[in-house]
Amino acid sequence: MRAPSTRWQERIHRIKQELLALGDMRPGSLSEQYNVCGKPTCRCKAPHHPRKHGPYYQLSYTHRGKSTTEFVTRDRVAEVRRQLANYARFRRLTEEWVTVSLRIARRRRRRPEE
């Protein structure tokens, strides 16, 4: 049976491989917006069944302390969703890497011979 630290080292190696395979990424969240226009006779202001304009897609994120909001065209929504998923995966993998590294460090402190 392998030592726990060997298993953890192998997990770190797999995490690194998964990180290398990630594509483009971006932080943030994508929201779907619907709007009402200023025309008094428009369908969006119908008294019984108003139908707002949209959907419009909006990406919001904070990077280096600066909040940003961008509109995303419909043809780019799938791409942006993939980038957001890649970023979320990146964050989970790096968090796991740190957690595993801390376990290894604690074990080495208790058992320096390993």
PDB file of N, CA and C in Angstrom:
ATOM      1  N   MET A   1       0.843  -1.186   0.000  1.00  0.00           N
ATOM      2  CA  MET A   1       0.000   0.000   0.000  1.00  0.00           C
ATOM      3  C   MET A   1       0.885   1.245   0.000  1.00  0.00           C
ATOM      4  N   ARG A   2       0.490   2.241  -0.797  1.00  0.00           N
ATOM      5  CA  ARG A   2       1.267   3.478  -0.891  1.00  0.00           C
ATOM      6  C   ARG A   2       1.022   4.361   0.324  1.00  0.00           C
ATOM      7  N   ALA A   3       2.033   5.128   0.646  1.00  0.00           N
ATOM      8  CA  ALA A   3       1.900   6.087   1.753  1.00  0.00           C
ATOM      9  C   ALA A   3       0.899   7.164   1.349  1.00  0.00           C
ATOM     10  N   PRO A   4       0.169   7.727   2.332  1.00  0.00           N
ATOM     11  CA  PRO A   4      -0.793   8.784   2.014  1.00  0.00           C
ATOM     12  C   PRO A   4      -0.159   9.955   1.262  1.00  0.00           C
ATOM     13  N   SER A   5       1.058  10.325   1.620  1.00  0.00           N
ATOM     14  CA  SER A   5       1.681  11.464   0.943  1.00  0.00           C
ATOM     15  C   SER A   5       1.934  11.158  -0.532  1.00  0.00           C
ATOM     16  N   THR A   6       2.189   9.895  -0.872  1.00  0.00           N
ATOM     17  CA  THR A   6       2.373   9.500  -2.271  1.00  0.00           C
ATOM     18  C   THR A   6       1.059   9.653  -3.027  1.00  0.00           C
ATOM     19  N   ARG A   7      -0.040   9.217  -2.418  1.00  0.00           N
ATOM     20  CA  ARG A   7      -1.360   9.386  -3.037  1.00  0.00           C
ATOM     21  C   ARG A   7      -1.651  10.863  -3.256  1.00  0.00           C
ATOM     22  N   TRP A   8      -1.327  11.672  -2.260  1.00  0.00           N
ATOM     23  CA  TRP A   8      -1.595  13.107  -2.372  1.00  0.00           C
ATOM     24  C   TRP A   8      -0.715  13.738  -3.454  1.00  0.00           C
ATOM     25  N   GLN A   9       0.535  13.301  -3.550  1.00  0.00           N
ATOM     26  CA  GLN A   9       1.424  13.811  -4.610  1.00  0.00           C
ATOM     27  C   GLN A   9       0.859  13.446  -5.984  1.00  0.00           C
ATOM     28  N   GLU A  10       0.317  12.229  -6.098  1.00  0.00           N
ATOM     29  CA  GLU A  10      -0.299  11.810  -7.359  1.00  0.00           C
ATOM     30  C   GLU A  10      -1.521  12.664  -7.682  1.00  0.00           C
ATOM     31  N   ARG A  11      -2.292  13.009  -6.653  1.00  0.00           N
ATOM     32  CA  ARG A  11      -3.470  13.862  -6.880  1.00  0.00           C
ATOM     33  C   ARG A  11      -3.027  15.241  -7.358  1.00  0.00           C
ATOM     34  N   ILE A  12      -1.984  15.792  -6.768  1.00  0.00           N
ATOM     35  CA  ILE A  12      -1.466  17.090  -7.213  1.00  0.00           C
ATOM     36  C   ILE A  12      -1.029  17.004  -8.673  1.00  0.00           C
ATOM     37  N   HIS A  13      -0.395  15.916  -9.044  1.00  0.00           N
ATOM     38  CA  HIS A  13       0.025  15.729 -10.435  1.00  0.00           C
ATOM     39  C   HIS A  13      -1.200  15.725 -11.365  1.00  0.00           C
ATOM     40  N   ARG A  14      -2.268  15.007 -10.969  1.00  0.00           N
ATOM     41  CA  ARG A  14      -3.490  14.979 -11.790  1.00  0.00           C
ATOM     42  C   ARG A  14      -4.131  16.362 -11.867  1.00  0.00           C
ATOM     43  N   ILE A  15      -4.118  17.109 -10.765  1.00  0.00           N
ATOM     44  CA  ILE A  15      -4.671  18.472 -10.765  1.00  0.00           C
ATOM     45  C   ILE A  15      -3.910  19.332 -11.766  1.00  0.00           C
ATOM     46  N   LYS A  16      -2.587  19.235 -11.769  1.00  0.00           N
ATOM     47  CA  LYS A  16      -1.779  20.010 -12.712  1.00  0.00           C
ATOM     48  C   LYS A  16      -2.137  19.670 -14.154  1.00  0.00           C
ATOM     49  N   GLN A  17      -2.351  18.383 -14.423  1.00  0.00           N
ATOM     50  CA  GLN A  17      -2.733  17.978 -15.775  1.00  0.00           C
ATOM     51  C   GLN A  17      -4.099  18.549 -16.158  1.00  0.00           C
ATOM     52  N   GLU A  18      -5.042  18.547 -15.224  1.00  0.00           N
ATOM     53  CA  GLU A  18      -6.367  19.109 -15.490  1.00  0.00           C
ATOM     54  C   GLU A  18      -6.276  20.614 -15.728  1.00  0.00           C
ATOM     55  N   LEU A  19      -5.419  21.288 -14.983  1.00  0.00           N
ATOM     56  CA  LEU A  19      -5.245  22.730 -15.170  1.00  0.00           C
ATOM     57  C   LEU A  19      -4.674  23.032 -16.558  1.00  0.00           C
ATOM     58  N   LEU A  20      -3.730  22.208 -17.000  1.00  0.00           N
ATOM     59  CA  LEU A  20      -3.137  22.405 -18.322  1.00  0.00           C
ATOM     60  C   LEU A  20      -4.173  22.247 -19.432  1.00  0.00           C
ATOM     61  N   ALA A  21      -5.187  21.433 -19.201  1.00  0.00           N
ATOM     62  CA  ALA A  21      -6.194  21.155 -20.221  1.00  0.00           C
ATOM     63  C   ALA A  21      -7.295  22.216 -20.293  1.00  0.00           C
ATOM     64  N   LEU A  22      -7.351  23.112 -19.305  1.00  0.00           N
ATOM     65  CA  LEU A  22      -8.392  24.135 -19.314  1.00  0.00           C
ATOM     66  C   LEU A  22      -8.201  25.082 -20.500  1.00  0.00           C
ATOM     67  N   GLY A  23      -9.289  25.533 -21.052  1.00  0.00           N
ATOM     68  CA  GLY A  23      -9.233  26.505 -22.141  1.00  0.00           C
ATOM     69  C   GLY A  23      -9.320  27.917 -21.593  1.00  0.00           C
ATOM     70  N   ASP A  24      -9.788  28.820 -22.449  1.00  0.00           N
ATOM     71  CA  ASP A  24      -9.959  30.212 -22.043  1.00  0.00           C
ATOM     72  C   ASP A  24     -10.900  30.284 -20.848  1.00  0.00           C
ATOM     73  N   MET A  25     -10.662  31.272 -20.005  1.00  0.00           N
ATOM     74  CA  MET A  25     -11.504  31.418 -18.819  1.00  0.00           C
ATOM     75  C   MET A  25     -11.728  32.879 -18.513  1.00  0.00           C
ATOM     76  N   ARG A  26     -12.763  33.119 -17.757  1.00  0.00           N
ATOM     77  CA  ARG A  26     -13.042  34.462 -17.259  1.00  0.00           C
ATOM     78  C   ARG A  26     -13.890  34.350 -16.000  1.00  0.00           C
ATOM     79  N   PRO A  27     -13.681  35.289 -15.073  1.00  0.00           N
ATOM     80  CA  PRO A  27     -14.493  35.287 -13.847  1.00  0.00           C
ATOM     81  C   PRO A  27     -15.831  35.952 -14.122  1.00  0.00           C
ATOM     82  N   GLY A  28     -16.742  35.802 -13.195  1.00  0.00           N
ATOM     83  CA  GLY A  28     -17.979  36.566 -13.260  1.00  0.00           C
ATOM     84  C   GLY A  28     -19.215  35.717 -13.332  1.00  0.00           C
ATOM     85  N   SER A  29     -20.301  36.410 -13.653  1.00  0.00           N
ATOM     86  CA  SER A  29     -21.585  35.740 -13.803  1.00  0.00           C
ATOM     87  C   SER A  29     -22.322  36.366 -14.982  1.00  0.00           C
ATOM     88  N   LEU A  30     -23.102  35.536 -15.641  1.00  0.00           N
ATOM     89  CA  LEU A  30     -23.850  35.962 -16.811  1.00  0.00           C
ATOM     90  C   LEU A  30     -25.315  36.014 -16.429  1.00  0.00           C
ATOM     91  N   SER A  31     -25.942  37.133 -16.692  1.00  0.00           N
ATOM     92  CA  SER A  31     -27.366  37.248 -16.371  1.00  0.00           C
ATOM     93  C   SER A  31     -28.158  37.595 -17.620  1.00  0.00           C
ATOM     94  N   GLU A  32     -29.411  37.215 -17.569  1.00  0.00           N
ATOM     95  CA  GLU A  32     -30.330  37.461 -18.672  1.00  0.00           C
ATOM     96  C   GLU A  32     -31.203  38.646 -18.270  1.00  0.00           C
ATOM     97  N   GLN A  33     -31.263  39.649 -19.117  1.00  0.00           N
ATOM     98  CA  GLN A  33     -32.010  40.870 -18.806  1.00  0.00           C
ATOM     99  C   GLN A  33     -33.163  41.051 -19.785  1.00  0.00           C
ATOM    100  N   TYR A  34     -34.260  41.614 -19.315  1.00  0.00           N
ATOM    101  CA  TYR A  34     -35.398  41.994 -20.155  1.00  0.00           C
ATOM    102  C   TYR A  34     -35.705  43.448 -19.852  1.00  0.00           C
ATOM    103  N   ASN A  35     -36.010  44.217 -20.883  1.00  0.00           N
ATOM    104  CA  ASN A  35     -36.200  45.657 -20.705  1.00  0.00           C
ATOM    105  C   ASN A  35     -37.561  46.132 -21.201  1.00  0.00           C
ATOM    106  N   VAL A  36     -37.955  47.291 -20.706  1.00  0.00           N
ATOM    107  CA  VAL A  36     -39.139  48.000 -21.159  1.00  0.00           C
ATOM    108  C   VAL A  36     -38.634  49.267 -21.836  1.00  0.00           C
ATOM    109  N   CYS A  37     -39.158  49.546 -23.029  1.00  0.00           N
ATOM    110  CA  CYS A  37     -38.691  50.726 -23.761  1.00  0.00           C
ATOM    111  C   CYS A  37     -39.537  51.958 -23.417  1.00  0.00           C
ATOM    112  N   GLY A  38     -39.267  53.052 -24.079  1.00  0.00           N
ATOM    113  CA  GLY A  38     -39.972  54.300 -23.789  1.00  0.00           C
ATOM    114  C   GLY A  38     -41.169  54.582 -24.680  1.00  0.00           C
ATOM    115  N   LYS A  39     -41.459  53.719 -25.637  1.00  0.00           N
ATOM    116  CA  LYS A  39     -42.589  53.948 -26.546  1.00  0.00           C
ATOM    117  C   LYS A  39     -43.895  53.595 -25.845  1.00  0.00           C
ATOM    118  N   PRO A  40     -44.829  54.535 -25.755  1.00  0.00           N
ATOM    119  CA  PRO A  40     -46.065  54.273 -25.009  1.00  0.00           C
ATOM    120  C   PRO A  40     -46.964  53.202 -25.618  1.00  0.00           C
ATOM    121  N   THR A  41     -46.872  52.942 -26.917  1.00  0.00           N
ATOM    122  CA  THR A  41     -47.748  51.944 -27.543  1.00  0.00           C
ATOM    123  C   THR A  41     -47.038  50.619 -27.822  1.00  0.00           C
ATOM    124  N   CYS A  42     -45.882  50.431 -27.296  1.00  0.00           N
ATOM    125  CA  CYS A  42     -45.094  49.216 -27.556  1.00  0.00           C
ATOM    126  C   CYS A  42     -45.697  48.010 -26.827  1.00  0.00           C
ATOM    127  N   ARG A  43     -45.415  46.829 -27.355  1.00  0.00           N
ATOM    128  CA  ARG A  43     -45.883  45.569 -26.756  1.00  0.00           C
ATOM    129  C   ARG A  43     -45.397  45.380 -25.328  1.00  0.00           C
ATOM    130  N   CYS A  44     -44.271  46.018 -24.984  1.00  0.00           N
ATOM    131  CA  CYS A  44     -43.728  45.850 -23.635  1.00  0.00           C
ATOM    132  C   CYS A  44     -44.552  46.599 -22.585  1.00  0.00           C
ATOM    133  N   LYS A  45     -45.492  47.434 -23.064  1.00  0.00           N
ATOM    134  CA  LYS A  45     -46.335  48.179 -22.117  1.00  0.00           C
ATOM    135  C   LYS A  45     -47.809  47.827 -22.268  1.00  0.00           C
ATOM    136  N   ALA A  46     -48.099  46.717 -22.937  1.00  0.00           N
ATOM    137  CA  ALA A  46     -49.490  46.288 -23.102  1.00  0.00           C
ATOM    138  C   ALA A  46     -50.117  46.079 -21.730  1.00  0.00           C
ATOM    139  N   PRO A  47     -51.313  46.590 -21.512  1.00  0.00           N
ATOM    140  CA  PRO A  47     -51.909  46.527 -20.164  1.00  0.00           C
ATOM    141  C   PRO A  47     -52.194  45.110 -19.663  1.00  0.00           C
ATOM    142  N   HIS A  48     -52.595  44.191 -20.529  1.00  0.00           N
ATOM    143  CA  HIS A  48     -52.977  42.851 -20.051  1.00  0.00           C
ATOM    144  C   HIS A  48     -51.868  41.816 -20.181  1.00  0.00           C
ATOM    145  N   HIS A  49     -51.076  41.887 -21.237  1.00  0.00           N
ATOM    146  CA  HIS A  49     -50.005  40.902 -21.447  1.00  0.00           C
ATOM    147  C   HIS A  49     -48.744  41.592 -21.966  1.00  0.00           C
ATOM    148  N   PRO A  50     -48.086  42.350 -21.108  1.00  0.00           N
ATOM    149  CA  PRO A  50     -46.861  43.019 -21.580  1.00  0.00           C
ATOM    150  C   PRO A  50     -45.760  41.998 -21.881  1.00  0.00           C
ATOM    151  N   ARG A  51     -45.028  42.230 -22.982  1.00  0.00           N
ATOM    152  CA  ARG A  51     -43.904  41.369 -23.353  1.00  0.00           C
ATOM    153  C   ARG A  51     -42.664  42.239 -23.452  1.00  0.00           C
ATOM    154  N   LYS A  52     -41.786  42.078 -22.475  1.00  0.00           N
ATOM    155  CA  LYS A  52     -40.562  42.888 -22.440  1.00  0.00           C
ATOM    156  C   LYS A  52     -39.622  42.507 -23.575  1.00  0.00           C
ATOM    157  N   HIS A  53     -38.718  43.416 -23.905  1.00  0.00           N
ATOM    158  CA  HIS A  53     -37.719  43.188 -24.936  1.00  0.00           C
ATOM    159  C   HIS A  53     -36.563  42.372 -24.348  1.00  0.00           C
ATOM    160  N   GLY A  54     -36.060  41.455 -25.131  1.00  0.00           N
ATOM    161  CA  GLY A  54     -34.929  40.666 -24.668  1.00  0.00           C
ATOM    162  C   GLY A  54     -35.068  39.234 -25.096  1.00  0.00           C
ATOM    163  N   PRO A  55     -34.248  38.357 -24.629  1.00  0.00           N
ATOM    164  CA  PRO A  55     -33.276  38.601 -23.574  1.00  0.00           C
ATOM    165  C   PRO A  55     -32.016  39.293 -24.087  1.00  0.00           C
ATOM    166  N   TYR A  56     -31.411  40.068 -23.196  1.00  0.00           N
ATOM    167  CA  TYR A  56     -30.099  40.657 -23.395  1.00  0.00           C
ATOM    168  C   TYR A  56     -29.216  40.027 -22.330  1.00  0.00           C
ATOM    169  N   TYR A  57     -27.982  39.769 -22.675  1.00  0.00           N
ATOM    170  CA  TYR A  57     -27.089  39.073 -21.748  1.00  0.00           C
ATOM    171  C   TYR A  57     -26.029  40.034 -21.234  1.00  0.00           C
ATOM    172  N   GLN A  58     -25.823  39.951 -19.936  1.00  0.00           N
ATOM    173  CA  GLN A  58     -24.902  40.865 -19.272  1.00  0.00           C
ATOM    174  C   GLN A  58     -23.920  40.072 -18.423  1.00  0.00           C
ATOM    175  N   LEU A  59     -22.635  40.340 -18.615  1.00  0.00           N
ATOM    176  CA  LEU A  59     -21.568  39.696 -17.850  1.00  0.00           C
ATOM    177  C   LEU A  59     -21.062  40.683 -16.816  1.00  0.00           C
ATOM    178  N   SER A  60     -21.033  40.272 -15.561  1.00  0.00           N
ATOM    179  CA  SER A  60     -20.520  41.124 -14.476  1.00  0.00           C
ATOM    180  C   SER A  60     -19.385  40.395 -13.785  1.00  0.00           C
ATOM    181  N   TYR A  61     -18.293  41.126 -13.520  1.00  0.00           N
ATOM    182  CA  TYR A  61     -17.155  40.522 -12.824  1.00  0.00           C
ATOM    183  C   TYR A  61     -16.314  41.606 -12.173  1.00  0.00           C
ATOM    184  N   THR A  62     -15.487  41.179 -11.238  1.00  0.00           N
ATOM    185  CA  THR A  62     -14.528  42.059 -10.582  1.00  0.00           C
ATOM    186  C   THR A  62     -13.146  41.474 -10.810  1.00  0.00           C
ATOM    187  N   HIS A  63     -12.241  42.315 -11.294  1.00  0.00           N
ATOM    188  CA  HIS A  63     -10.862  41.885 -11.530  1.00  0.00           C
ATOM    189  C   HIS A  63      -9.937  42.995 -11.070  1.00  0.00           C
ATOM    190  N   ARG A  64      -8.981  42.620 -10.206  1.00  0.00           N
ATOM    191  CA  ARG A  64      -8.034  43.580  -9.632  1.00  0.00           C
ATOM    192  C   ARG A  64      -8.750  44.750  -8.956  1.00  0.00           C
ATOM    193  N   GLY A  65      -9.827  44.423  -8.256  1.00  0.00           N
ATOM    194  CA  GLY A  65     -10.552  45.419  -7.483  1.00  0.00           C
ATOM    195  C   GLY A  65     -11.487  46.303  -8.290  1.00  0.00           C
ATOM    196  N   LYS A  66     -11.597  46.073  -9.596  1.00  0.00           N
ATOM    197  CA  LYS A  66     -12.450  46.908 -10.433  1.00  0.00           C
ATOM    198  C   LYS A  66     -13.637  46.086 -10.929  1.00  0.00           C
ATOM    199  N   SER A  67     -14.854  46.572 -10.640  1.00  0.00           N
ATOM    200  CA  SER A  67     -16.068  45.911 -11.112  1.00  0.00           C
ATOM    201  C   SER A  67     -16.357  46.338 -12.542  1.00  0.00           C
ATOM    202  N   THR A  68     -16.754  45.372 -13.339  1.00  0.00           N
ATOM    203  CA  THR A  68     -17.028  45.636 -14.744  1.00  0.00           C
ATOM    204  C   THR A  68     -18.294  44.905 -15.161  1.00  0.00           C
ATOM    205  N   THR A  69     -19.059  45.533 -16.035  1.00  0.00           N
ATOM    206  CA  THR A  69     -20.235  44.917 -16.625  1.00  0.00           C
ATOM    207  C   THR A  69     -20.136  45.087 -18.129  1.00  0.00           C
ATOM    208  N   GLU A  70     -20.376  44.001 -18.849  1.00  0.00           N
ATOM    209  CA  GLU A  70     -20.319  44.033 -20.313  1.00  0.00           C
ATOM    210  C   GLU A  70     -21.561  43.361 -20.874  1.00  0.00           C
ATOM    211  N   PHE A  71     -22.054  43.865 -21.988  1.00  0.00           N
ATOM    212  CA  PHE A  71     -23.117  43.173 -22.692  1.00  0.00           C
ATOM    213  C   PHE A  71     -22.489  42.100 -23.564  1.00  0.00           C
ATOM    214  N   VAL A  72     -23.173  40.976 -23.689  1.00  0.00           N
ATOM    215  CA  VAL A  72     -22.696  39.849 -24.490  1.00  0.00           C
ATOM    216  C   VAL A  72     -23.748  39.575 -25.561  1.00  0.00           C
ATOM    217  N   THR A  73     -23.303  39.502 -26.795  1.00  0.00           N
ATOM    218  CA  THR A  73     -24.244  39.214 -27.880  1.00  0.00           C
ATOM    219  C   THR A  73     -24.671  37.752 -27.814  1.00  0.00           C
ATOM    220  N   ARG A  74     -25.853  37.461 -28.361  1.00  0.00           N
ATOM    221  CA  ARG A  74     -26.401  36.101 -28.305  1.00  0.00           C
ATOM    222  C   ARG A  74     -25.457  35.072 -28.901  1.00  0.00           C
ATOM    223  N   ASP A  75     -24.751  35.443 -29.964  1.00  0.00           N
ATOM    224  CA  ASP A  75     -23.876  34.479 -30.620  1.00  0.00           C
ATOM    225  C   ASP A  75     -22.635  34.146 -29.782  1.00  0.00           C
ATOM    226  N   ARG A  76     -22.362  34.898 -28.732  1.00  0.00           N
ATOM    227  CA  ARG A  76     -21.200  34.635 -27.876  1.00  0.00           C
ATOM    228  C   ARG A  76     -21.572  34.053 -26.513  1.00  0.00           C
ATOM    229  N   VAL A  77     -22.859  33.887 -26.241  1.00  0.00           N
ATOM    230  CA  VAL A  77     -23.308  33.408 -24.925  1.00  0.00           C
ATOM    231  C   VAL A  77     -22.726  32.038 -24.598  1.00  0.00           C
ATOM    232  N   ALA A  78     -22.757  31.093 -25.527  1.00  0.00           N
ATOM    233  CA  ALA A  78     -22.229  29.742 -25.262  1.00  0.00           C
ATOM    234  C   ALA A  78     -20.732  29.800 -24.958  1.00  0.00           C
ATOM    235  N   GLU A  79     -20.001  30.605 -25.704  1.00  0.00           N
ATOM    236  CA  GLU A  79     -18.555  30.756 -25.473  1.00  0.00           C
ATOM    237  C   GLU A  79     -18.277  31.324 -24.085  1.00  0.00           C
ATOM    238  N   VAL A  80     -19.015  32.366 -23.701  1.00  0.00           N
ATOM    239  CA  VAL A  80     -18.824  32.994 -22.389  1.00  0.00           C
ATOM    240  C   VAL A  80     -19.180  32.010 -21.281  1.00  0.00           C
ATOM    241  N   ARG A  81     -20.231  31.231 -21.466  1.00  0.00           N
ATOM    242  CA  ARG A  81     -20.591  30.228 -20.451  1.00  0.00           C
ATOM    243  C   ARG A  81     -19.476  29.196 -20.277  1.00  0.00           C
ATOM    244  N   ARG A  82     -18.854  28.768 -21.379  1.00  0.00           N
ATOM    245  CA  ARG A  82     -17.716  27.839 -21.284  1.00  0.00           C
ATOM    246  C   ARG A  82     -16.554  28.473 -20.524  1.00  0.00           C
ATOM    247  N   GLN A  83     -16.275  29.737 -20.809  1.00  0.00           N
ATOM    248  CA  GLN A  83     -15.184  30.435 -20.125  1.00  0.00           C
ATOM    249  C   GLN A  83     -15.470  30.564 -18.634  1.00  0.00           C
ATOM    250  N   LEU A  84     -16.711  30.863 -18.287  1.00  0.00           N
ATOM    251  CA  LEU A  84     -17.096  30.951 -16.873  1.00  0.00           C
ATOM    252  C   LEU A  84     -16.958  29.592 -16.191  1.00  0.00           C
ATOM    253  N   ALA A  85     -17.364  28.531 -16.868  1.00  0.00           N
ATOM    254  CA  ALA A  85     -17.234  27.171 -16.306  1.00  0.00           C
ATOM    255  C   ALA A  85     -15.762  26.809 -16.130  1.00  0.00           C
ATOM    256  N   ASN A  86     -14.918  27.177 -17.094  1.00  0.00           N
ATOM    257  CA  ASN A  86     -13.483  26.905 -16.976  1.00  0.00           C
ATOM    258  C   ASN A  86     -12.885  27.641 -15.786  1.00  0.00           C
ATOM    259  N   TYR A  87     -13.318  28.875 -15.565  1.00  0.00           N
ATOM    260  CA  TYR A  87     -12.807  29.640 -14.428  1.00  0.00           C
ATOM    261  C   TYR A  87     -13.239  28.994 -13.107  1.00  0.00           C
ATOM    262  N   ALA A  88     -14.498  28.564 -13.045  1.00  0.00           N
ATOM    263  CA  ALA A  88     -14.983  27.899 -11.830  1.00  0.00           C
ATOM    264  C   ALA A  88     -14.191  26.613 -11.586  1.00  0.00           C
ATOM    265  N   ARG A  89     -13.916  25.868 -12.643  1.00  0.00           N
ATOM    266  CA  ARG A  89     -13.115  24.644 -12.521  1.00  0.00           C
ATOM    267  C   ARG A  89     -11.699  24.977 -12.056  1.00  0.00           C
ATOM    268  N   PHE A  90     -11.115  26.032 -12.612  1.00  0.00           N
ATOM    269  CA  PHE A  90      -9.786  26.497 -12.202  1.00  0.00           C
ATOM    270  C   PHE A  90      -9.757  26.793 -10.705  1.00  0.00           C
ATOM    271  N   ARG A  91     -10.761  27.506 -10.233  1.00  0.00           N
ATOM    272  CA  ARG A  91     -10.816  27.860  -8.807  1.00  0.00           C
ATOM    273  C   ARG A  91     -10.934  26.613  -7.926  1.00  0.00           C
ATOM    274  N   ARG A  92     -11.788  25.654  -8.328  1.00  0.00           N
ATOM    275  CA  ARG A  92     -11.940  24.415  -7.538  1.00  0.00           C
ATOM    276  C   ARG A  92     -10.645  23.621  -7.510  1.00  0.00           C
ATOM    277  N   LEU A  93      -9.997  23.504  -8.663  1.00  0.00           N
ATOM    278  CA  LEU A  93      -8.757  22.724  -8.735  1.00  0.00           C
ATOM    279  C   LEU A  93      -7.638  23.362  -7.917  1.00  0.00           C
ATOM    280  N   THR A  94      -7.484  24.678  -8.002  1.00  0.00           N
ATOM    281  CA  THR A  94      -6.416  25.316  -7.239  1.00  0.00           C
ATOM    282  C   THR A  94      -6.707  25.250  -5.735  1.00  0.00           C
ATOM    283  N   GLU A  95      -7.960  25.338  -5.361  1.00  0.00           N
ATOM    284  CA  GLU A  95      -8.318  25.204  -3.943  1.00  0.00           C
ATOM    285  C   GLU A  95      -7.991  23.796  -3.449  1.00  0.00           C
ATOM    286  N   GLU A  96      -8.293  22.792  -4.271  1.00  0.00           N
ATOM    287  CA  GLU A  96      -7.973  21.413  -3.894  1.00  0.00           C
ATOM    288  C   GLU A  96      -6.457  21.224  -3.804  1.00  0.00           C
ATOM    289  N   TRP A  97      -5.709  21.805  -4.719  1.00  0.00           N
ATOM    290  CA  TRP A  97      -4.246  21.708  -4.716  1.00  0.00           C
ATOM    291  C   TRP A  97      -3.694  22.249  -3.400  1.00  0.00           C
ATOM    292  N   VAL A  98      -4.193  23.412  -2.987  1.00  0.00           N
ATOM    293  CA  VAL A  98      -3.729  24.012  -1.729  1.00  0.00           C
ATOM    294  C   VAL A  98      -4.102  23.112  -0.552  1.00  0.00           C
ATOM    295  N   THR A  99      -5.304  22.587  -0.538  1.00  0.00           N
ATOM    296  CA  THR A  99      -5.747  21.709   0.551  1.00  0.00           C
ATOM    297  C   THR A  99      -4.864  20.467   0.658  1.00  0.00           C
ATOM    298  N   VAL A 100      -4.595  19.841  -0.477  1.00  0.00           N
ATOM    299  CA  VAL A 100      -3.756  18.646  -0.481  1.00  0.00           C
ATOM    300  C   VAL A 100      -2.328  18.999  -0.051  1.00  0.00           C
ATOM    301  N   SER A 101      -1.812  20.115  -0.518  1.00  0.00           N
ATOM    302  CA  SER A 101      -0.461  20.543  -0.133  1.00  0.00           C
ATOM    303  C   SER A 101      -0.356  20.785   1.362  1.00  0.00           C
ATOM    304  N   LEU A 102      -1.393  21.348   1.957  1.00  0.00           N
ATOM    305  CA  LEU A 102      -1.394  21.565   3.409  1.00  0.00           C
ATOM    306  C   LEU A 102      -1.395  20.227   4.161  1.00  0.00           C
ATOM    307  N   ARG A 103      -2.140  19.246   3.641  1.00  0.00           N
ATOM    308  CA  ARG A 103      -2.135  17.913   4.272  1.00  0.00           C
ATOM    309  C   ARG A 103      -0.738  17.309   4.232  1.00  0.00           C
ATOM    310  N   ILE A 104      -0.094  17.423   3.085  1.00  0.00           N
ATOM    311  CA  ILE A 104       1.263  16.886   2.950  1.00  0.00           C
ATOM    312  C   ILE A 104       2.211  17.577   3.924  1.00  0.00           C
ATOM    313  N   ALA A 105       2.125  18.889   4.013  1.00  0.00           N
ATOM    314  CA  ALA A 105       3.004  19.642   4.911  1.00  0.00           C
ATOM    315  C   ALA A 105       2.780  19.247   6.368  1.00  0.00           C
ATOM    316  N   ARG A 106       1.510  19.090   6.768  1.00  0.00           N
ATOM    317  CA  ARG A 106       1.212  18.677   8.148  1.00  0.00           C
ATOM    318  C   ARG A 106       1.776  17.298   8.434  1.00  0.00           C
ATOM    319  N   ARG A 107       1.597  16.397   7.472  1.00  0.00           N
ATOM    320  CA  ARG A 107       2.094  15.031   7.669  1.00  0.00           C
ATOM    321  C   ARG A 107       3.617  15.025   7.776  1.00  0.00           C
ATOM    322  N   ARG A 108       4.287  15.794   6.984  1.00  0.00           N
ATOM    323  CA  ARG A 108       5.761  15.876   7.028  1.00  0.00           C
ATOM    324  C   ARG A 108       6.230  16.480   8.346  1.00  0.00           C
ATOM    325  N   ARG A 109       5.478  17.397   8.874  1.00  0.00           N
ATOM    326  CA  ARG A 109       5.844  18.001  10.149  1.00  0.00           C
ATOM    327  C   ARG A 109       5.745  16.965  11.270  1.00  0.00           C
ATOM    328  N   ARG A 110       4.716  16.107  11.192  1.00  0.00           N
ATOM    329  CA  ARG A 110       4.535  15.075  12.215  1.00  0.00           C
ATOM    330  C   ARG A 110       5.482  13.896  12.025  1.00  0.00           C
ATOM    331  N   ARG A 111       5.763  13.571  10.739  1.00  0.00           N
ATOM    332  CA  ARG A 111       6.610  12.417  10.419  1.00  0.00           C
ATOM    333  C   ARG A 111       7.669  12.837   9.405  1.00  0.00           C
ATOM    334  N   PRO A 112       8.729  13.468   9.844  1.00  0.00           N
ATOM    335  CA  PRO A 112       9.739  13.975   8.931  1.00  0.00           C
ATOM    336  C   PRO A 112      10.449  12.903   8.111  1.00  0.00           C
ATOM    337  N   GLU A 113      10.351  11.634   8.530  1.00  0.00           N
ATOM    338  CA  GLU A 113      11.050  10.573   7.797  1.00  0.00           C
ATOM    339  C   GLU A 113      10.403  10.256   6.457  1.00  0.00           C
ATOM    340  N   GLU A 114       9.162  10.657   6.241  1.00  0.00           N
ATOM    341  CA  GLU A 114       8.466  10.364   4.963  1.00  0.00           C
ATOM    342  C   GLU A 114       8.942  11.271   3.865  1.00  0.00           C
TER     343      GLU A 114
END
